[in-house]
């Protein structure tokens, strides 16, 4: 039981924090929550699958709702611009709507439970790729679970929790499939569930081809064997997807099998990228997009209207740099020693991250969607890579070297501040504290380095609570 205690404690902490978010986040103050709720209500009331129609999106009215914090006298039942979404999440949520008479809390807790499964899958994926270091599993899961933006999104009424849980289940099964430990039929069924959940889950389609190629090359399959395996991996998935695509073709017309063309026609007034670039210029637009993406990856709440104190973003920026540096150091120092299975798993995660970034850029070619949550499909990279990177960063030589580099950077920053007459005290304190923590971690015996990871996760969990009661509730309460 002791080996499962850290994972159990982490899941319990996540569920408790998620419960607080579900209880105290004001109604409708998770992006797109009214539209997702109305989809479920349409099914629960027996009106069948909703159809995306003109009038489902009213930019002016939506702006009024968000500006006035969704006052009770302004109805939200006309907000229906998610009607084009695939149906699986909404079908699963409908019984909760019936049993609890449409109570939002019940639907938020349903999403929370799904996201807890996703967190557990991050841990399982880490155990699969790093079996020699079982403690990395809970550290990896914690880096994902205690991201404040992740908690806020996963406790709203939306289909992201199911999408991420299914996608991460598919990735875990795919990694196991590469070593022959998973049935192709099971992998295909999970892929099919993704096809009827959300378009972001379609990232698994090209990855299926990659996994098939690697497995075939490893086992030297003939083209006939490769074809049979492709049918097993893709057949059930395509049959499930075809049920929804056929319905959409009948409703929206060919070739709009996803309803996205109808969606683009309906969302008149949504900010367009070309308009913003024409107004602000390319470089200011890109700078603003980068800042908003970073902030909303870690914490920019409500309908993007609640930002954190700039000092918290500074701390999260430094953490992000350390995670990237640690991950790169880990890859550089261990890649040759990795097994073929570990390398393929790492490359699969890298491909997942590349697809997430590519889809994010594609969305932003048309509409202004500088939201970090669109990168959450790649959170396994943050979890697995970040945890392995932090373990590498905790080695004495690298920890002390990084601490020394931070100290030098702090000294240069202080010198520049003195010359300008504006000493950046918070930045210096942050850099100094991080350098000190790294130096102490490097000094600790290996068996006690786990304390550093525990302290980091505890700090992130505390940040979750601060974000909720220090920013979300005060700024969004009606």
Protein backbone atom coordinates (compact mmCIF):
# COMPACT_ATOMS: atom_id res chain seq x y z
CA UNK A 1 0.00 0.00 0.00
CA UNK A 2 2.86 2.41 0.72
CA UNK A 3 3.89 2.50 -2.93
CA UNK A 4 0.42 3.82 -3.88
CA UNK A 5 0.15 6.31 -1.03
CA UNK A 6 1.68 9.30 -2.91
CA UNK A 7 -0.60 8.79 -5.91
CA UNK A 8 -3.63 8.41 -3.66
CA UNK A 9 -2.76 11.54 -1.71
CA UNK A 10 -2.23 13.48 -4.92
CA UNK A 11 -5.58 12.41 -6.40
CA UNK A 12 -7.36 13.23 -3.15
CA UNK A 13 -5.77 16.68 -3.04
CA UNK A 14 -6.72 17.27 -6.67
CA UNK A 15 -10.31 16.22 -6.09
CA UNK A 16 -10.62 18.45 -3.02
CA UNK A 17 -9.22 21.47 -4.85
CA UNK A 18 -11.41 20.68 -7.83
CA UNK A 19 -14.44 20.49 -5.54
CA UNK A 20 -13.65 23.98 -4.26
CA UNK A 21 -13.45 25.28 -7.82
CA UNK A 22 -16.72 23.57 -8.77
CA UNK A 23 -18.47 25.02 -5.72
CA UNK A 24 -17.10 28.56 -5.70
CA UNK A 25 -16.51 29.45 -9.36
CA UNK A 26 -19.59 31.58 -10.18
CA UNK A 27 -22.09 30.08 -12.65
CA UNK A 28 -21.16 30.27 -16.35
CA UNK A 29 -17.70 31.66 -15.57
CA UNK A 30 -15.80 28.90 -17.35
CA UNK A 31 -15.30 29.64 -21.07
CA UNK A 32 -18.20 28.43 -23.25
CA UNK A 33 -19.96 26.83 -20.25
CA UNK A 34 -23.46 28.13 -21.13
CA UNK A 35 -23.27 26.73 -24.67
CA UNK A 36 -22.12 23.30 -23.44
CA UNK A 37 -24.83 23.27 -20.77
CA UNK A 38 -27.52 24.09 -23.34
CA UNK A 39 -26.37 21.16 -25.51
CA UNK A 40 -26.88 18.80 -22.57
CA UNK A 41 -30.25 20.36 -21.80
CA UNK A 42 -31.41 19.84 -25.39
CA UNK A 43 -30.66 16.12 -25.09
CA UNK A 44 -32.18 15.87 -21.61
CA UNK A 45 -35.40 17.51 -22.78
CA UNK A 46 -35.73 15.07 -25.67
CA UNK A 47 -35.10 17.58 -28.45
CA UNK A 48 -32.46 15.38 -30.05
CA UNK A 49 -29.02 16.45 -31.20
CA UNK A 50 -28.99 20.24 -31.60
CA UNK A 51 -28.24 21.85 -34.95
CA UNK A 52 -25.96 24.84 -35.44
CA UNK A 53 -28.16 27.64 -36.76
CA UNK A 54 -27.98 31.40 -37.36
CA UNK A 55 -28.60 33.23 -34.10
CA UNK A 56 -26.79 30.68 -31.94
CA UNK A 57 -23.90 33.15 -31.55
CA UNK A 58 -24.48 36.81 -30.71
CA UNK A 59 -21.18 38.59 -30.05
CA UNK A 60 -22.84 41.70 -28.60
CA UNK A 61 -25.07 39.78 -26.24
CA UNK A 62 -22.22 37.49 -25.19
CA UNK A 63 -20.08 40.54 -24.51
CA UNK A 64 -22.85 41.98 -22.34
CA UNK A 65 -23.18 38.73 -20.40
CA UNK A 66 -19.47 38.54 -19.64
CA UNK A 67 -19.15 42.27 -18.88
CA UNK A 68 -22.06 42.14 -16.41
CA UNK A 69 -20.92 38.81 -14.94
CA UNK A 70 -23.93 36.81 -16.11
CA UNK A 71 -26.66 38.56 -14.09
CA UNK A 72 -29.79 36.48 -13.37
CA UNK A 73 -32.06 38.72 -15.45
CA UNK A 74 -30.08 37.97 -18.64
CA UNK A 75 -30.93 34.44 -19.87
CA UNK A 76 -28.22 32.16 -21.19
CA UNK A 77 -30.48 29.67 -22.94
CA UNK A 78 -29.91 31.44 -26.27
CA UNK A 79 -26.14 30.79 -26.13
CA UNK A 80 -25.88 27.69 -28.32
CA UNK A 81 -22.77 28.04 -30.46
CA UNK A 82 -21.38 24.63 -29.39
CA UNK A 83 -24.19 22.76 -31.15
CA UNK A 84 -21.77 21.49 -33.80
CA UNK A 85 -19.76 19.48 -31.27
CA UNK A 86 -19.67 15.65 -31.43
CA UNK A 87 -22.07 14.12 -28.90
CA UNK A 88 -20.32 11.66 -26.58
CA UNK A 89 -19.63 13.96 -23.61
CA UNK A 90 -23.15 15.36 -23.71
CA UNK A 91 -24.74 11.91 -23.92
CA UNK A 92 -22.77 10.76 -20.87
CA UNK A 93 -23.66 13.93 -18.96
CA UNK A 94 -27.40 13.74 -19.71
CA UNK A 95 -28.22 11.19 -16.93
CA UNK A 96 -26.66 13.57 -14.38
CA UNK A 97 -28.87 16.33 -15.74
CA UNK A 98 -31.94 14.11 -15.26
CA UNK A 99 -31.06 12.86 -11.78
CA UNK A 100 -30.04 16.24 -10.36
CA UNK A 101 -32.62 18.32 -12.24
CA UNK A 102 -30.05 20.19 -14.29
CA UNK A 103 -27.94 21.31 -11.31
CA UNK A 104 -24.71 22.79 -12.60
CA UNK A 105 -22.69 21.40 -9.69
CA UNK A 106 -23.52 17.82 -10.67
CA UNK A 107 -22.27 18.43 -14.22
CA UNK A 108 -19.14 20.18 -12.97
CA UNK A 109 -18.37 17.26 -10.67
CA UNK A 110 -18.89 14.87 -13.58
CA UNK A 111 -16.21 16.79 -15.50
CA UNK A 112 -13.96 16.75 -12.42
CA UNK A 113 -14.25 12.96 -12.14
CA UNK A 114 -13.31 12.57 -15.81
CA UNK A 115 -10.30 14.84 -15.35
CA UNK A 116 -9.14 12.78 -12.35
CA UNK A 117 -9.01 9.79 -14.69
CA UNK A 118 -6.84 11.89 -17.00
CA UNK A 119 -4.48 12.74 -14.14
CA UNK A 120 -4.19 9.05 -13.25
CA UNK A 121 -3.37 8.26 -16.88
CA UNK A 122 -0.49 10.75 -16.81
CA UNK A 123 0.93 8.78 -13.88
CA UNK A 124 0.44 5.46 -15.70
CA UNK A 125 2.12 6.83 -18.82
CA UNK A 126 5.09 7.96 -16.74
CA UNK A 127 5.36 4.54 -15.11
CA UNK A 128 5.31 2.97 -18.57
CA UNK A 129 8.15 5.14 -19.88
CA UNK A 130 10.20 5.44 -16.66
CA UNK A 131 9.71 2.10 -14.88
CA UNK A 132 13.03 2.42 -13.00
CA UNK A 133 11.86 5.60 -11.25
CA UNK A 134 8.35 4.99 -9.87
CA UNK A 135 8.33 8.25 -7.87
CA UNK A 136 8.31 10.22 -11.10
CA UNK A 137 4.73 9.07 -11.72
CA UNK A 138 3.16 11.17 -8.97
CA UNK A 139 5.45 14.13 -9.69
CA UNK A 140 4.45 13.99 -13.36
CA UNK A 141 0.74 13.76 -12.53
CA UNK A 142 1.05 16.60 -10.03
CA UNK A 143 2.63 18.98 -12.53
CA UNK A 144 -0.49 18.53 -14.65
CA UNK A 145 -3.09 18.31 -11.90
CA UNK A 146 -2.08 21.45 -10.02
CA UNK A 147 -1.80 23.73 -13.02
CA UNK A 148 -4.39 26.37 -11.96
CA UNK A 149 -5.80 26.78 -15.47
CA UNK A 150 -6.18 23.01 -15.79
CA UNK A 151 -8.16 22.84 -12.55
CA UNK A 152 -10.38 25.75 -13.57
CA UNK A 153 -11.13 24.27 -16.99
CA UNK A 154 -11.66 20.71 -15.75
CA UNK A 155 -14.29 21.81 -13.23
CA UNK A 156 -16.48 23.50 -15.83
CA UNK A 157 -19.28 22.08 -17.94
CA UNK A 158 -17.47 21.31 -21.19
CA UNK A 159 -16.22 18.37 -23.23
CA UNK A 160 -12.51 19.00 -22.61
CA UNK A 161 -12.25 16.70 -19.60
CA UNK A 162 -13.53 13.70 -21.55
CA UNK A 163 -11.42 14.61 -24.59
CA UNK A 164 -8.20 14.80 -22.58
CA UNK A 165 -8.96 11.61 -20.62
CA UNK A 166 -9.64 9.67 -23.82
CA UNK A 167 -6.64 11.14 -25.66
CA UNK A 168 -4.26 10.38 -22.81
CA UNK A 169 -5.78 6.89 -22.51
CA UNK A 170 -5.08 6.43 -26.21
CA UNK A 171 -1.46 7.61 -25.81
CA UNK A 172 -0.87 5.27 -22.86
CA UNK A 173 -2.39 2.34 -24.75
CA UNK A 174 -0.43 3.27 -27.89
CA UNK A 175 2.86 3.20 -26.00
CA UNK A 176 1.93 -0.20 -24.59
CA UNK A 177 0.84 -1.34 -28.05
CA UNK A 178 4.32 -0.64 -29.34
CA UNK A 179 5.64 -3.40 -27.11
CA UNK A 180 2.73 -5.71 -27.84
CA UNK A 181 0.89 -5.23 -24.54
CA UNK A 182 -2.35 -3.74 -25.93
CA UNK A 183 -4.89 -5.10 -28.38
CA UNK A 184 -5.28 -3.06 -31.59
CA UNK A 185 -9.06 -3.43 -31.24
CA UNK A 186 -9.00 -1.68 -27.86
CA UNK A 187 -6.83 1.10 -29.25
CA UNK A 188 -9.26 1.52 -32.13
CA UNK A 189 -12.29 1.71 -29.83
CA UNK A 190 -10.67 4.50 -27.82
CA UNK A 191 -9.82 6.29 -31.07
CA UNK A 192 -13.43 5.95 -32.15
CA UNK A 193 -14.61 7.47 -28.87
CA UNK A 194 -12.30 10.41 -29.53
CA UNK A 195 -13.78 10.90 -32.99
CA UNK A 196 -17.24 11.41 -31.45
CA UNK A 197 -16.05 13.63 -28.58
CA UNK A 198 -14.14 16.64 -29.94
CA UNK A 199 -12.09 17.61 -32.97
CA UNK A 200 -8.96 18.23 -30.86
CA UNK A 201 -8.91 14.50 -30.19
CA UNK A 202 -8.38 13.90 -33.89
CA UNK A 203 -4.66 14.36 -33.24
CA UNK A 204 -4.67 10.63 -32.51
CA UNK A 205 -5.49 9.83 -36.16
CA UNK A 206 -2.09 10.69 -37.68
CA UNK A 207 -0.39 9.28 -34.57
CA UNK A 208 -2.11 5.97 -35.29
CA UNK A 209 -0.29 5.81 -38.60
CA UNK A 210 3.00 6.56 -36.83
CA UNK A 211 2.42 3.82 -34.25
CA UNK A 212 1.46 1.33 -36.96
CA UNK A 213 4.63 2.11 -38.92
CA UNK A 214 6.90 1.70 -35.88
CA UNK A 215 5.30 -1.58 -34.84
CA UNK A 216 5.44 -2.95 -38.37
CA UNK A 217 9.07 -1.97 -38.77
CA UNK A 218 10.02 -3.51 -35.43
CA UNK A 219 8.33 -6.82 -36.24
CA UNK A 220 9.21 -6.75 -39.96
CA UNK A 221 5.62 -7.21 -41.11
CA UNK A 222 4.79 -7.87 -44.73
CA UNK A 223 2.50 -5.42 -46.48
CA UNK A 224 -0.38 -7.90 -46.06
CA UNK A 225 0.21 -8.03 -42.28
CA UNK A 226 0.50 -4.25 -42.20
CA UNK A 227 -2.82 -3.89 -44.01
CA UNK A 228 -4.60 -6.31 -41.66
CA UNK A 229 -3.26 -4.45 -38.64
CA UNK A 230 -4.33 -1.12 -40.15
CA UNK A 231 -7.88 -2.48 -40.42
CA UNK A 232 -7.78 -3.53 -36.77
CA UNK A 233 -6.42 -0.16 -35.64
CA UNK A 234 -8.69 1.99 -37.79
CA UNK A 235 -11.78 -0.03 -38.70
CA UNK A 236 -13.87 0.22 -35.50
CA UNK A 237 -12.81 3.85 -35.03
CA UNK A 238 -13.91 4.85 -38.53
CA UNK A 239 -17.23 3.06 -38.11
CA UNK A 240 -17.95 5.00 -34.91
CA UNK A 241 -16.89 8.25 -36.47
CA UNK A 242 -18.92 7.59 -39.61
CA UNK A 243 -22.14 7.51 -37.58
CA UNK A 244 -21.62 11.14 -36.60
CA UNK A 245 -20.13 12.27 -39.90
CA UNK A 246 -23.07 10.82 -41.79
CA UNK A 247 -25.54 12.66 -39.59
CA UNK A 248 -23.67 15.94 -40.15
CA UNK A 249 -23.52 15.41 -43.90
CA UNK A 250 -27.30 14.99 -43.90
CA UNK A 251 -27.87 18.06 -41.71
CA UNK A 252 -25.21 20.50 -42.95
CA UNK A 253 -24.53 19.11 -46.40
CA UNK A 254 -21.42 17.61 -47.95
CA UNK A 255 -18.53 18.02 -47.23
CA UNK A 256 -19.25 19.66 -43.86
CA UNK A 257 -19.09 16.38 -41.93
CA UNK A 258 -17.84 18.13 -38.77
CA UNK A 259 -20.23 21.08 -38.85
CA UNK A 260 -17.28 23.45 -38.76
CA UNK A 261 -18.20 25.29 -41.94
CA UNK A 262 -21.65 25.98 -40.51
CA UNK A 263 -19.99 27.06 -37.26
CA UNK A 264 -17.78 29.58 -39.06
CA UNK A 265 -20.82 30.97 -40.87
CA UNK A 266 -22.78 31.39 -37.64
CA UNK A 267 -20.15 32.98 -35.36
CA UNK A 268 -20.44 36.38 -36.99
CA UNK A 269 -18.64 39.05 -35.01
CA UNK A 270 -16.05 36.79 -33.39
CA UNK A 271 -12.66 38.58 -33.50
CA UNK A 272 -10.65 37.76 -36.61
CA UNK A 273 -6.87 37.55 -36.71
CA UNK A 274 -6.56 39.56 -39.91
CA UNK A 275 -8.58 42.41 -38.39
CA UNK A 276 -6.41 42.53 -35.28
CA UNK A 277 -3.18 42.54 -37.29
CA UNK A 278 -4.52 45.35 -39.48
CA UNK A 279 -5.43 47.31 -36.37
CA UNK A 280 -2.35 46.71 -34.18
CA UNK A 281 0.41 45.69 -36.60
CA UNK A 282 2.05 42.27 -36.87
CA UNK A 283 4.71 42.47 -34.13
CA UNK A 284 2.50 44.00 -31.41
CA UNK A 285 -0.11 41.39 -32.30
CA UNK A 286 2.40 38.54 -31.96
CA UNK A 287 3.77 39.91 -28.68
CA UNK A 288 0.28 40.18 -27.23
CA UNK A 289 -0.61 36.72 -28.48
CA UNK A 290 2.49 35.19 -26.85
CA UNK A 291 1.81 36.90 -23.52
CA UNK A 292 -1.86 35.91 -23.47
CA UNK A 293 -1.08 32.33 -24.46
CA UNK A 294 1.46 31.96 -21.67
CA UNK A 295 -0.78 33.53 -19.06
CA UNK A 296 -3.83 31.54 -20.06
CA UNK A 297 -1.80 28.31 -20.05
CA UNK A 298 -1.14 28.77 -16.33
CA UNK A 299 -3.96 31.00 -15.18
CA UNK A 300 -6.20 33.55 -16.86
CA UNK A 301 -9.70 32.87 -15.69
CA UNK A 302 -13.33 33.47 -16.46
CA UNK A 303 -13.75 34.51 -20.06
CA UNK A 304 -10.09 35.59 -20.16
CA UNK A 305 -10.90 38.63 -18.03
CA UNK A 306 -9.24 37.61 -14.74
CA UNK A 307 -5.46 37.90 -14.76
CA UNK A 308 -3.12 37.17 -11.87
CA UNK A 309 -0.67 39.45 -10.17
CA UNK A 310 2.31 40.01 -12.48
CA UNK A 311 4.64 38.62 -9.80
CA UNK A 312 2.89 35.25 -9.99
CA UNK A 313 3.41 35.14 -13.75
CA UNK A 314 7.08 35.90 -13.13
CA UNK A 315 7.31 32.90 -10.83
CA UNK A 316 5.47 30.67 -13.29
CA UNK A 317 7.71 31.91 -16.09
CA UNK A 318 10.81 30.94 -14.12
CA UNK A 319 9.28 27.54 -13.36
CA UNK A 320 8.56 27.07 -17.07
CA UNK A 321 12.16 27.87 -17.96
CA UNK A 322 13.44 25.37 -15.40
CA UNK A 323 11.09 22.68 -16.72
CA UNK A 324 12.27 23.27 -20.29
CA UNK A 325 15.94 23.35 -19.25
CA UNK A 326 15.57 20.22 -17.15
CA UNK A 327 13.80 18.34 -19.95
CA UNK A 328 16.50 19.27 -22.47
CA UNK A 329 19.23 18.30 -20.02
CA UNK A 330 17.51 14.98 -19.41
CA UNK A 331 17.26 14.19 -23.11
CA UNK A 332 20.87 15.21 -23.79
CA UNK A 333 22.26 13.11 -20.95
CA UNK A 334 20.10 9.98 -21.19
CA UNK A 335 18.95 9.61 -24.82
CA UNK A 336 21.64 7.13 -25.83
CA UNK A 337 20.97 5.03 -22.76
CA UNK A 338 17.22 4.90 -23.38
CA UNK A 339 15.63 1.74 -24.64
CA UNK A 340 13.99 1.69 -28.05
CA UNK A 341 10.60 1.62 -26.33
CA UNK A 342 11.43 4.75 -24.33
CA UNK A 343 12.67 6.58 -27.41
CA UNK A 344 9.53 5.75 -29.35
CA UNK A 345 7.40 6.88 -26.43
CA UNK A 346 9.29 10.16 -26.19
CA UNK A 347 8.97 10.73 -29.94
CA UNK A 348 5.24 9.97 -29.76
CA UNK A 349 4.83 12.61 -27.04
CA UNK A 350 6.88 15.03 -29.11
CA UNK A 351 4.63 14.42 -32.10
CA UNK A 352 1.57 14.99 -29.90
CA UNK A 353 3.03 18.32 -28.78
CA UNK A 354 3.80 19.29 -32.38
CA UNK A 355 0.23 18.55 -33.43
CA UNK A 356 -1.13 20.57 -30.50
CA UNK A 357 0.98 23.58 -31.48
CA UNK A 358 0.05 23.14 -35.14
CA UNK A 359 -3.68 23.05 -34.37
CA UNK A 360 -3.33 26.08 -32.12
CA UNK A 361 -1.65 28.03 -34.92
CA UNK A 362 -4.26 26.85 -37.41
CA UNK A 363 -7.11 28.08 -35.19
CA UNK A 364 -5.42 31.45 -34.88
CA UNK A 365 -5.02 31.90 -38.62
CA UNK A 366 -8.72 32.63 -38.79
CA UNK A 367 -9.98 33.62 -35.35
CA UNK A 368 -8.28 35.25 -32.37
CA UNK A 369 -7.89 32.28 -30.01
CA UNK A 370 -4.83 33.06 -27.89
CA UNK A 371 -5.84 30.60 -25.20
CA UNK A 372 -3.28 28.32 -23.64
CA UNK A 373 -5.93 25.70 -22.94
CA UNK A 374 -5.77 24.74 -26.61
CA UNK A 375 -2.32 23.31 -25.85
CA UNK A 376 -3.59 21.07 -23.04
CA UNK A 377 -3.68 18.02 -25.29
CA UNK A 378 0.13 18.10 -24.97
CA UNK A 379 0.15 18.20 -21.16
CA UNK A 380 1.67 14.68 -21.02
CA UNK A 381 4.85 16.33 -22.33
CA UNK A 382 4.80 18.77 -19.41
CA UNK A 383 4.13 15.93 -17.01
CA UNK A 384 6.53 13.23 -18.19
CA UNK A 385 9.21 15.54 -19.58
CA UNK A 386 8.96 17.99 -16.69
CA UNK A 387 9.19 15.28 -14.02
CA UNK A 388 12.16 13.57 -15.70
CA UNK A 389 13.77 16.98 -16.22
CA UNK A 390 13.37 17.97 -12.57
CA UNK A 391 14.94 14.68 -11.51
CA UNK A 392 17.91 15.40 -13.79
CA UNK A 393 18.06 18.98 -12.55
CA UNK A 394 18.27 17.73 -8.97
CA UNK A 395 21.64 16.05 -9.61
CA UNK A 396 24.33 17.80 -7.63
CA UNK A 397 26.50 19.11 -10.45
CA UNK A 398 23.60 20.31 -12.59
CA UNK A 399 21.69 21.74 -9.63
CA UNK A 400 24.69 23.72 -8.43
CA UNK A 401 25.60 24.81 -11.96
CA UNK A 402 22.05 26.04 -12.61
CA UNK A 403 21.98 27.79 -9.24
CA UNK A 404 25.25 29.53 -10.07
CA UNK A 405 23.89 30.61 -13.47
CA UNK A 406 20.81 32.03 -11.76
CA UNK A 407 22.99 33.85 -9.24
CA UNK A 408 25.03 35.44 -12.04
CA UNK A 409 21.82 36.42 -13.85
CA UNK A 410 20.51 37.96 -10.65
CA UNK A 411 23.71 39.91 -10.19
CA UNK A 412 23.55 41.29 -13.73
CA UNK A 413 19.88 42.19 -13.26
CA UNK A 414 20.71 44.01 -10.03
CA UNK A 415 23.53 45.93 -11.75
CA UNK A 416 21.23 47.03 -14.56
CA UNK A 417 18.63 48.04 -12.01
CA UNK A 418 21.13 50.13 -10.06
CA UNK A 419 22.27 51.89 -13.21
CA UNK A 420 18.66 52.68 -14.10
CA UNK A 421 17.75 53.63 -10.55
CA UNK A 422 14.99 51.01 -10.44
CA UNK A 423 16.02 47.90 -8.53
CA UNK A 424 13.67 44.95 -9.39
CA UNK A 425 13.37 43.61 -5.85
CA UNK A 426 10.73 40.96 -6.57
CA UNK A 427 12.65 39.50 -9.51
CA UNK A 428 15.86 39.44 -7.50
CA UNK A 429 14.13 37.75 -4.56
CA UNK A 430 12.56 35.19 -6.89
CA UNK A 431 15.83 34.38 -8.61
CA UNK A 432 17.68 34.23 -5.32
CA UNK A 433 15.12 31.92 -3.71
CA UNK A 434 15.15 29.61 -6.74
CA UNK A 435 18.94 29.49 -6.80
CA UNK A 436 18.97 28.71 -3.08
CA UNK A 437 16.37 25.96 -3.48
CA UNK A 438 18.38 24.38 -6.31
CA UNK A 439 21.59 24.53 -4.33
CA UNK A 440 19.90 22.89 -1.35
CA UNK A 441 18.33 20.22 -3.56
CA UNK A 442 21.75 19.40 -5.00
CA UNK A 443 23.12 19.08 -1.49
CA UNK A 444 20.41 16.68 -0.32
CA UNK A 445 21.11 12.93 -0.39
CA UNK A 446 19.35 11.17 -3.27
CA UNK A 447 16.80 9.46 -1.02
CA UNK A 448 15.68 12.84 0.32
CA UNK A 449 15.43 14.69 -3.00
CA UNK A 450 11.80 13.63 -3.12
CA UNK A 451 11.20 16.39 -0.58
CA UNK A 452 11.97 19.00 -3.25
CA UNK A 453 9.33 17.56 -5.59
CA UNK A 454 6.81 17.40 -2.76
CA UNK A 455 7.49 21.03 -1.87
CA UNK A 456 6.99 22.11 -5.49
CA UNK A 457 3.65 20.32 -5.79
CA UNK A 458 2.52 21.72 -2.44
CA UNK A 459 3.37 25.23 -3.70
CA UNK A 460 1.37 24.65 -6.90
CA UNK A 461 -1.59 23.30 -4.91
CA UNK A 462 -1.46 26.38 -2.69
CA UNK A 463 -1.37 28.54 -5.81
CA UNK A 464 -4.58 26.85 -6.97
CA UNK A 465 -6.33 27.95 -3.80
CA UNK A 466 -4.89 31.46 -4.05
CA UNK A 467 -6.12 31.75 -7.64
CA UNK A 468 -9.63 30.69 -6.64
CA UNK A 469 -10.16 32.80 -3.54
CA UNK A 470 -7.75 35.61 -4.34
CA UNK A 471 -8.74 36.27 -7.95
CA UNK A 472 -11.62 34.21 -9.37
CA UNK A 473 -14.21 34.60 -6.64
CA UNK A 474 -13.60 38.31 -5.87
CA UNK A 475 -13.54 39.36 -9.53
CA UNK A 476 -16.31 37.17 -10.93
CA UNK A 477 -18.87 37.06 -8.16
CA UNK A 478 -22.06 38.82 -9.23
